[in-house]
C-alpha atoms as a PDB file:
ATOM      1  CA  UNK A   1       2.705  26.436   9.009  1.00  0.00           C
ATOM      2  CA  UNK A   2       5.958  24.831  10.149  1.00  0.00           C
ATOM      3  CA  UNK A   3       8.968  27.134  10.057  1.00  0.00           C
ATOM      4  CA  UNK A   4      12.253  25.371   9.406  1.00  0.00           C
ATOM      5  CA  UNK A   5      15.125  26.545  11.560  1.00  0.00           C
ATOM      6  CA  UNK A   6      17.757  28.102   9.315  1.00  0.00           C
ATOM      7  CA  UNK A   7      20.487  28.413  11.919  1.00  0.00           C
ATOM      8  CA  UNK A   8      22.235  25.391  10.374  1.00  0.00           C
ATOM      9  CA  UNK A   9      23.100  27.265   7.175  1.00  0.00           C
ATOM     10  CA  UNK A  10      26.605  28.130   8.287  1.00  0.00           C
ATOM     11  CA  UNK A  11      29.538  25.745   8.207  1.00  0.00           C
ATOM     12  CA  UNK A  12      30.584  22.978   5.834  1.00  0.00           C
ATOM     13  CA  UNK A  13      27.041  21.764   5.100  1.00  0.00           C
ATOM     14  CA  UNK A  14      25.592  25.152   4.186  1.00  0.00           C
ATOM     15  CA  UNK A  15      25.182  24.355   0.483  1.00  0.00           C
ATOM     16  CA  UNK A  16      23.579  20.991   1.200  1.00  0.00           C
ATOM     17  CA  UNK A  17      21.167  22.512   3.706  1.00  0.00           C
ATOM     18  CA  UNK A  18      20.109  25.077   1.113  1.00  0.00           C
ATOM     19  CA  UNK A  19      19.643  22.323  -1.484  1.00  0.00           C
ATOM     20  CA  UNK A  20      17.351  20.387   0.868  1.00  0.00           C
ATOM     21  CA  UNK A  21      14.991  23.375   0.746  1.00  0.00           C
ATOM     22  CA  UNK A  22      15.251  23.992  -3.016  1.00  0.00           C
ATOM     23  CA  UNK A  23      12.119  24.638  -5.062  1.00  0.00           C
ATOM     24  CA  UNK A  24      12.858  21.698  -7.390  1.00  0.00           C
ATOM     25  CA  UNK A  25      11.947  18.335  -5.796  1.00  0.00           C
ATOM     26  CA  UNK A  26      14.609  16.546  -7.849  1.00  0.00           C
ATOM     27  CA  UNK A  27      17.224  18.867  -6.362  1.00  0.00           C
ATOM     28  CA  UNK A  28      15.917  18.123  -2.880  1.00  0.00           C
ATOM     29  CA  UNK A  29      16.018  14.397  -3.651  1.00  0.00           C
ATOM     30  CA  UNK A  30      19.647  14.634  -4.737  1.00  0.00           C
ATOM     31  CA  UNK A  31      20.491  16.604  -1.611  1.00  0.00           C
ATOM     32  CA  UNK A  32      18.843  14.001   0.649  1.00  0.00           C
ATOM     33  CA  UNK A  33      20.750  11.264  -1.201  1.00  0.00           C
ATOM     34  CA  UNK A  34      23.990  13.163  -0.673  1.00  0.00           C
ATOM     35  CA  UNK A  35      23.206  13.574   3.028  1.00  0.00           C
ATOM     36  CA  UNK A  36      22.800   9.824   3.405  1.00  0.00           C
ATOM     37  CA  UNK A  37      25.748   8.920   1.208  1.00  0.00           C
ATOM     38  CA  UNK A  38      28.135  10.955   3.364  1.00  0.00           C
ATOM     39  CA  UNK A  39      26.373  10.962   6.762  1.00  0.00           C
ATOM     40  CA  UNK A  40      27.180  13.812   9.117  1.00  0.00           C
ATOM     41  CA  UNK A  41      25.514  13.937  12.559  1.00  0.00           C
ATOM     42  CA  UNK A  42      25.564  17.734  12.329  1.00  0.00           C
ATOM     43  CA  UNK A  43      22.783  17.405   9.739  1.00  0.00           C
ATOM     44  CA  UNK A  44      20.414  15.603  12.124  1.00  0.00           C
ATOM     45  CA  UNK A  45      18.415  18.694  13.030  1.00  0.00           C
ATOM     46  CA  UNK A  46      18.069  19.808   9.430  1.00  0.00           C
ATOM     47  CA  UNK A  47      16.964  16.359   8.226  1.00  0.00           C
ATOM     48  CA  UNK A  48      14.334  16.019  10.966  1.00  0.00           C
ATOM     49  CA  UNK A  49      13.027  19.499  10.278  1.00  0.00           C
ATOM     50  CA  UNK A  50      12.833  18.847   6.536  1.00  0.00           C
ATOM     51  CA  UNK A  51      10.813  15.678   7.178  1.00  0.00           C
ATOM     52  CA  UNK A  52       8.212  17.826   8.910  1.00  0.00           C
ATOM     53  CA  UNK A  53       7.612  20.045   5.879  1.00  0.00           C
ATOM     54  CA  UNK A  54       8.712  18.072   2.797  1.00  0.00           C
ATOM     55  CA  UNK A  55       5.720  17.691   0.417  1.00  0.00           C
ATOM     56  CA  UNK A  56       7.201  15.032  -1.888  1.00  0.00           C
ATOM     57  CA  UNK A  57       6.855  11.385  -0.846  1.00  0.00           C
ATOM     58  CA  UNK A  58      10.095  10.252  -2.502  1.00  0.00           C
ATOM     59  CA  UNK A  59      12.113  13.035  -0.922  1.00  0.00           C
ATOM     60  CA  UNK A  60      10.646  12.232   2.501  1.00  0.00           C
ATOM     61  CA  UNK A  61      11.623   8.604   2.052  1.00  0.00           C
ATOM     62  CA  UNK A  62      15.166   9.610   1.131  1.00  0.00           C
ATOM     63  CA  UNK A  63      15.331  11.897   4.160  1.00  0.00           C
ATOM     64  CA  UNK A  64      14.368   8.933   6.336  1.00  0.00           C
ATOM     65  CA  UNK A  65      17.097   6.855   4.689  1.00  0.00           C
ATOM     66  CA  UNK A  66      19.599   9.624   5.423  1.00  0.00           C
ATOM     67  CA  UNK A  67      18.514   9.657   9.071  1.00  0.00           C
ATOM     68  CA  UNK A  68      18.932   5.880   9.240  1.00  0.00           C
ATOM     69  CA  UNK A  69      22.530   6.315   8.139  1.00  0.00           C
ATOM     70  CA  UNK A  70      23.323   8.438  11.200  1.00  0.00           C
ATOM     71  CA  UNK A  71      24.144   7.029  14.663  1.00  0.00           C
ATOM     72  CA  UNK A  72      20.966   5.959  16.480  1.00  0.00           C
ATOM     73  CA  UNK A  73      22.168   7.557  19.694  1.00  0.00           C
ATOM     74  CA  UNK A  74      21.994  10.895  17.854  1.00  0.00           C
ATOM     75  CA  UNK A  75      18.805  10.470  15.829  1.00  0.00           C
ATOM     76  CA  UNK A  76      16.512   8.529  18.164  1.00  0.00           C
ATOM     77  CA  UNK A  77      16.325  11.118  20.986  1.00  0.00           C
ATOM     78  CA  UNK A  78      15.712  13.896  18.444  1.00  0.00           C
ATOM     79  CA  UNK A  79      12.977  11.904  16.684  1.00  0.00           C
ATOM     80  CA  UNK A  80      11.331  11.054  20.002  1.00  0.00           C
ATOM     81  CA  UNK A  81      11.238  14.785  20.780  1.00  0.00           C
ATOM     82  CA  UNK A  82       9.564  15.323  17.401  1.00  0.00           C
ATOM     83  CA  UNK A  83       6.638  13.142  18.505  1.00  0.00           C
ATOM     84  CA  UNK A  84       5.529  16.064  20.641  1.00  0.00           C
ATOM     85  CA  UNK A  85       5.189  18.380  17.636  1.00  0.00           C
ATOM     86  CA  UNK A  86       1.879  20.099  17.018  1.00  0.00           C
ATOM     87  CA  UNK A  87       2.185  19.276  13.312  1.00  0.00           C
ATOM     88  CA  UNK A  88       0.870  15.883  12.155  1.00  0.00           C
ATOM     89  CA  UNK A  89       3.410  15.393   9.380  1.00  0.00           C
ATOM     90  CA  UNK A  90       6.260  15.963  11.824  1.00  0.00           C
ATOM     91  CA  UNK A  91       4.881  13.277  14.149  1.00  0.00           C
ATOM     92  CA  UNK A  92       4.077  10.861  11.338  1.00  0.00           C
ATOM     93  CA  UNK A  93       7.497  11.127   9.704  1.00  0.00           C
ATOM     94  CA  UNK A  94       9.281  10.809  13.030  1.00  0.00           C
ATOM     95  CA  UNK A  95       7.381   7.591  13.687  1.00  0.00           C
ATOM     96  CA  UNK A  96       8.226   6.324  10.208  1.00  0.00           C
ATOM     97  CA  UNK A  97      11.911   7.056  10.739  1.00  0.00           C
ATOM     98  CA  UNK A  98      11.913   5.405  14.167  1.00  0.00           C
ATOM     99  CA  UNK A  99      10.354   2.269  12.685  1.00  0.00           C
ATOM    100  CA  UNK A 100      13.120   2.111  10.078  1.00  0.00           C
ATOM    101  CA  UNK A 101      15.914   2.714  12.593  1.00  0.00           C
ATOM    102  CA  UNK A 102      14.519  -0.082  14.757  1.00  0.00           C
ATOM    103  CA  UNK A 103      15.911   1.027  18.131  1.00  0.00           C
ATOM    104  CA  UNK A 104      13.655  -0.345  20.872  1.00  0.00           C
ATOM    105  CA  UNK A 105      14.625   2.489  23.194  1.00  0.00           C
ATOM    106  CA  UNK A 106      11.952   4.428  21.288  1.00  0.00           C
ATOM    107  CA  UNK A 107       9.242   1.897  22.203  1.00  0.00           C
ATOM    108  CA  UNK A 108       7.692   3.772  25.190  1.00  0.00           C
ATOM    109  CA  UNK A 109       7.329   6.951  23.149  1.00  0.00           C
ATOM    110  CA  UNK A 110       5.982   5.131  20.093  1.00  0.00           C
ATOM    111  CA  UNK A 111       3.462   3.098  22.074  1.00  0.00           C
ATOM    112  CA  UNK A 112       2.069   6.330  23.510  1.00  0.00           C
ATOM    113  CA  UNK A 113       1.102   7.456  19.982  1.00  0.00           C
ATOM    114  CA  UNK A 114      -1.241   4.590  19.047  1.00  0.00           C
ATOM    115  CA  UNK A 115      -4.400   6.637  19.591  1.00  0.00           C
ATOM    116  CA  UNK A 116      -3.196   9.931  18.113  1.00  0.00           C
ATOM    117  CA  UNK A 117      -6.195  12.003  16.953  1.00  0.00           C
ATOM    118  CA  UNK A 118      -4.729  12.337  13.460  1.00  0.00           C
ATOM    119  CA  UNK A 119      -5.449   9.232  11.369  1.00  0.00           C
ATOM    120  CA  UNK A 120      -2.161   9.326   9.457  1.00  0.00           C
ATOM    121  CA  UNK A 121      -0.116   9.739  12.626  1.00  0.00           C
ATOM    122  CA  UNK A 122      -1.948   6.858  14.288  1.00  0.00           C
ATOM    123  CA  UNK A 123      -1.375   4.732  11.192  1.00  0.00           C
ATOM    124  CA  UNK A 124       2.369   5.447  11.351  1.00  0.00           C
ATOM    125  CA  UNK A 125       2.355   4.627  15.054  1.00  0.00           C
ATOM    126  CA  UNK A 126       0.695   1.240  14.433  1.00  0.00           C
ATOM    127  CA  UNK A 127       3.392   0.310  11.933  1.00  0.00           C
ATOM    128  CA  UNK A 128       6.218   1.576  14.113  1.00  0.00           C
ATOM    129  CA  UNK A 129       4.857  -0.201  17.184  1.00  0.00           C
ATOM    130  CA  UNK A 130       4.805  -3.587  15.450  1.00  0.00           C
ATOM    131  CA  UNK A 131       8.351  -2.982  14.206  1.00  0.00           C
ATOM    132  CA  UNK A 132       9.670  -2.112  17.675  1.00  0.00           C
ATOM    133  CA  UNK A 133       7.614  -4.196  20.104  1.00  0.00           C
ATOM    134  CA  UNK A 134       9.377  -6.822  22.181  1.00  0.00           C
ATOM    135  CA  UNK A 135       7.726 -10.278  22.237  1.00  0.00           C
ATOM    136  CA  UNK A 136       6.697  -9.872  25.874  1.00  0.00           C
ATOM    137  CA  UNK A 137       4.841  -6.655  25.033  1.00  0.00           C
ATOM    138  CA  UNK A 138       2.885  -8.074  22.090  1.00  0.00           C
ATOM    139  CA  UNK A 139      -0.273  -8.943  24.094  1.00  0.00           C
ATOM    140  CA  UNK A 140      -0.500  -5.403  25.489  1.00  0.00           C
ATOM    141  CA  UNK A 141       0.057  -3.937  22.032  1.00  0.00           C
ATOM    142  CA  UNK A 142      -2.621  -6.214  20.567  1.00  0.00           C
ATOM    143  CA  UNK A 143      -5.073  -5.048  23.224  1.00  0.00           C
ATOM    144  CA  UNK A 144      -4.371  -1.409  22.411  1.00  0.00           C
ATOM    145  CA  UNK A 145      -4.613  -1.885  18.651  1.00  0.00           C
ATOM    146  CA  UNK A 146      -7.891  -3.799  18.779  1.00  0.00           C
ATOM    147  CA  UNK A 147      -9.565  -0.726  20.284  1.00  0.00           C
ATOM    148  CA  UNK A 148      -8.832   1.070  17.001  1.00  0.00           C
ATOM    149  CA  UNK A 149     -10.840  -1.369  14.861  1.00  0.00           C
ATOM    150  CA  UNK A 150     -13.273   0.423  12.587  1.00  0.00           C
ATOM    151  CA  UNK A 151     -11.331   3.674  12.600  1.00  0.00           C
ATOM    152  CA  UNK A 152     -10.804   5.691   9.425  1.00  0.00           C
ATOM    153  CA  UNK A 153     -11.146   4.708   5.792  1.00  0.00           C
ATOM    154  CA  UNK A 154     -10.280   1.500   3.956  1.00  0.00           C
ATOM    155  CA  UNK A 155      -6.557   2.324   3.816  1.00  0.00           C
ATOM    156  CA  UNK A 156      -6.485   2.847   7.587  1.00  0.00           C
ATOM    157  CA  UNK A 157      -8.441  -0.380   8.073  1.00  0.00           C
ATOM    158  CA  UNK A 158      -5.877  -2.275   6.025  1.00  0.00           C
ATOM    159  CA  UNK A 159      -2.937  -0.676   7.874  1.00  0.00           C
ATOM    160  CA  UNK A 160      -4.397  -1.627  11.239  1.00  0.00           C
ATOM    161  CA  UNK A 161      -5.210  -5.145  10.072  1.00  0.00           C
ATOM    162  CA  UNK A 162      -1.667  -5.626   8.811  1.00  0.00           C
ATOM    163  CA  UNK A 163      -0.311  -4.382  12.123  1.00  0.00           C
ATOM    164  CA  UNK A 164      -2.504  -6.816  14.049  1.00  0.00           C
ATOM    165  CA  UNK A 165      -1.649  -9.642  11.648  1.00  0.00           C
ATOM    166  CA  UNK A 166       2.016  -9.009  12.419  1.00  0.00           C
ATOM    167  CA  UNK A 167       1.521  -9.912  16.078  1.00  0.00           C
ATOM    168  CA  UNK A 168       1.412 -13.322  17.695  1.00  0.00           C
ATOM    169  CA  UNK A 169      -1.482 -15.568  18.631  1.00  0.00           C
ATOM    170  CA  UNK A 170      -2.434 -13.368  21.580  1.00  0.00           C
ATOM    171  CA  UNK A 171      -4.360 -11.184  19.138  1.00  0.00           C
ATOM    172  CA  UNK A 172      -6.765 -13.939  18.064  1.00  0.00           C
ATOM    173  CA  UNK A 173      -8.977 -14.074  21.194  1.00  0.00           C
ATOM    174  CA  UNK A 174      -9.234 -10.277  21.035  1.00  0.00           C
ATOM    175  CA  UNK A 175     -10.355 -10.412  17.418  1.00  0.00           C
ATOM    176  CA  UNK A 176     -12.831 -13.168  18.238  1.00  0.00           C
ATOM    177  CA  UNK A 177     -14.325 -10.982  20.955  1.00  0.00           C
ATOM    178  CA  UNK A 178     -14.493  -7.991  18.617  1.00  0.00           C
ATOM    179  CA  UNK A 179     -16.480  -9.992  16.035  1.00  0.00           C
ATOM    180  CA  UNK A 180     -19.322 -10.254  18.555  1.00  0.00           C
ATOM    181  CA  UNK A 181     -19.403  -6.577  19.554  1.00  0.00           C
ATOM    182  CA  UNK A 182     -22.300  -4.173  18.972  1.00  0.00           C
ATOM    183  CA  UNK A 183     -20.726  -2.109  16.155  1.00  0.00           C
ATOM    184  CA  UNK A 184     -21.155  -3.768  12.725  1.00  0.00           C
ATOM    185  CA  UNK A 185     -18.138  -1.932  11.253  1.00  0.00           C
ATOM    186  CA  UNK A 186     -15.906  -3.105  14.095  1.00  0.00           C
ATOM    187  CA  UNK A 187     -17.238  -6.656  13.729  1.00  0.00           C
ATOM    188  CA  UNK A 188     -16.532  -6.629  10.009  1.00  0.00           C
ATOM    189  CA  UNK A 189     -13.060  -5.162  10.458  1.00  0.00           C
ATOM    190  CA  UNK A 190     -12.233  -7.751  13.133  1.00  0.00           C
ATOM    191  CA  UNK A 191     -13.405 -10.614  10.915  1.00  0.00           C
ATOM    192  CA  UNK A 192     -11.396  -9.374   7.921  1.00  0.00           C
ATOM    193  CA  UNK A 193      -8.356  -8.974  10.166  1.00  0.00           C
ATOM    194  CA  UNK A 194      -8.760 -12.482  11.507  1.00  0.00           C
ATOM    195  CA  UNK A 195      -8.802 -13.831   7.952  1.00  0.00           C
ATOM    196  CA  UNK A 196      -5.693 -11.794   7.123  1.00  0.00           C
ATOM    197  CA  UNK A 197      -3.916 -13.179  10.199  1.00  0.00           C
ATOM    198  CA  UNK A 198      -4.598 -16.741   9.091  1.00  0.00           C
ATOM    199  CA  UNK A 199      -3.885 -16.062   5.403  1.00  0.00           C
ATOM    200  CA  UNK A 200      -1.649 -13.020   4.718  1.00  0.00           C
ATOM    201  CA  UNK A 201      -2.167 -13.495   0.971  1.00  0.00           C
ATOM    202  CA  UNK A 202      -5.940 -13.265   1.198  1.00  0.00           C
ATOM    203  CA  UNK A 203      -7.781 -10.414  -0.499  1.00  0.00           C
ATOM    204  CA  UNK A 204      -8.398  -7.952   2.316  1.00  0.00           C
ATOM    205  CA  UNK A 205     -10.803  -5.742   0.397  1.00  0.00           C
ATOM    206  CA  UNK A 206     -13.054  -8.658  -0.515  1.00  0.00           C
ATOM    207  CA  UNK A 207     -12.869 -10.045   3.022  1.00  0.00           C
ATOM    208  CA  UNK A 208     -13.795  -6.687   4.504  1.00  0.00           C
ATOM    209  CA  UNK A 209     -16.734  -6.109   2.168  1.00  0.00           C
ATOM    210  CA  UNK A 210     -18.039  -9.632   2.746  1.00  0.00           C
ATOM    211  CA  UNK A 211     -17.663  -9.276   6.487  1.00  0.00           C
ATOM    212  CA  UNK A 212     -19.438  -5.909   6.441  1.00  0.00           C
ATOM    213  CA  UNK A 213     -22.371  -7.399   4.563  1.00  0.00           C
ATOM    214  CA  UNK A 214     -22.630 -10.334   6.957  1.00  0.00           C
ATOM    215  CA  UNK A 215     -22.255  -8.063   9.991  1.00  0.00           C
ATOM    216  CA  UNK A 216     -25.122  -5.870   8.838  1.00  0.00           C
ATOM    217  CA  UNK A 217     -27.539  -8.333   7.223  1.00  0.00           C
ATOM    218  CA  UNK A 218     -26.655 -11.717   8.710  1.00  0.00           C
ATOM    219  CA  UNK A 219     -24.982 -14.794   7.198  1.00  0.00           C
ATOM    220  CA  UNK A 220     -27.965 -15.817   5.051  1.00  0.00           C
ATOM    221  CA  UNK A 221     -28.306 -12.517   3.148  1.00  0.00           C
END
């Protein structure tokens, strides 16, 4: 269980801090909106901590928006520190916020999270990495992401494929090589990703299922 630090409850933001932890999610949503509408760097710690424990998707998204409204020089170092949390949601939400802020100073820390043992954290890291990577680092990122092919469920497969499809042509030889590997799931995922790279509007689910069938039974089945 994550315990939110309550030392921020004094001072001018005390009522807002309490509202961010209210039982009613609509009250928390309004509080997060208020925090972003009138940004105050003194709320940084509270907003980051709430991201780690907030159960409602819409409130989490509003908390991220509120963080984006604060100066990057304040939020980015704190969010990078959060990547070391033992709690998956804290890491995942920090990565999500960093991807939205878009400060490339976070790139080394984000790129170190690509193989996180938690699937949702890794998924957030893939998205954040593509958002923050410099063009010169795209080949190295592609090489790291390709090693994750076949990981997780269909949603994770699609997230990884979209991340790879967002990179340049350096990813194509890596995908070609992966389609000839020994693991049929990896081969299928690589083939579906290659199709997505060439045609972003293609139906990923159909491509993946077709590729899986071909990878297992051969092209004539």
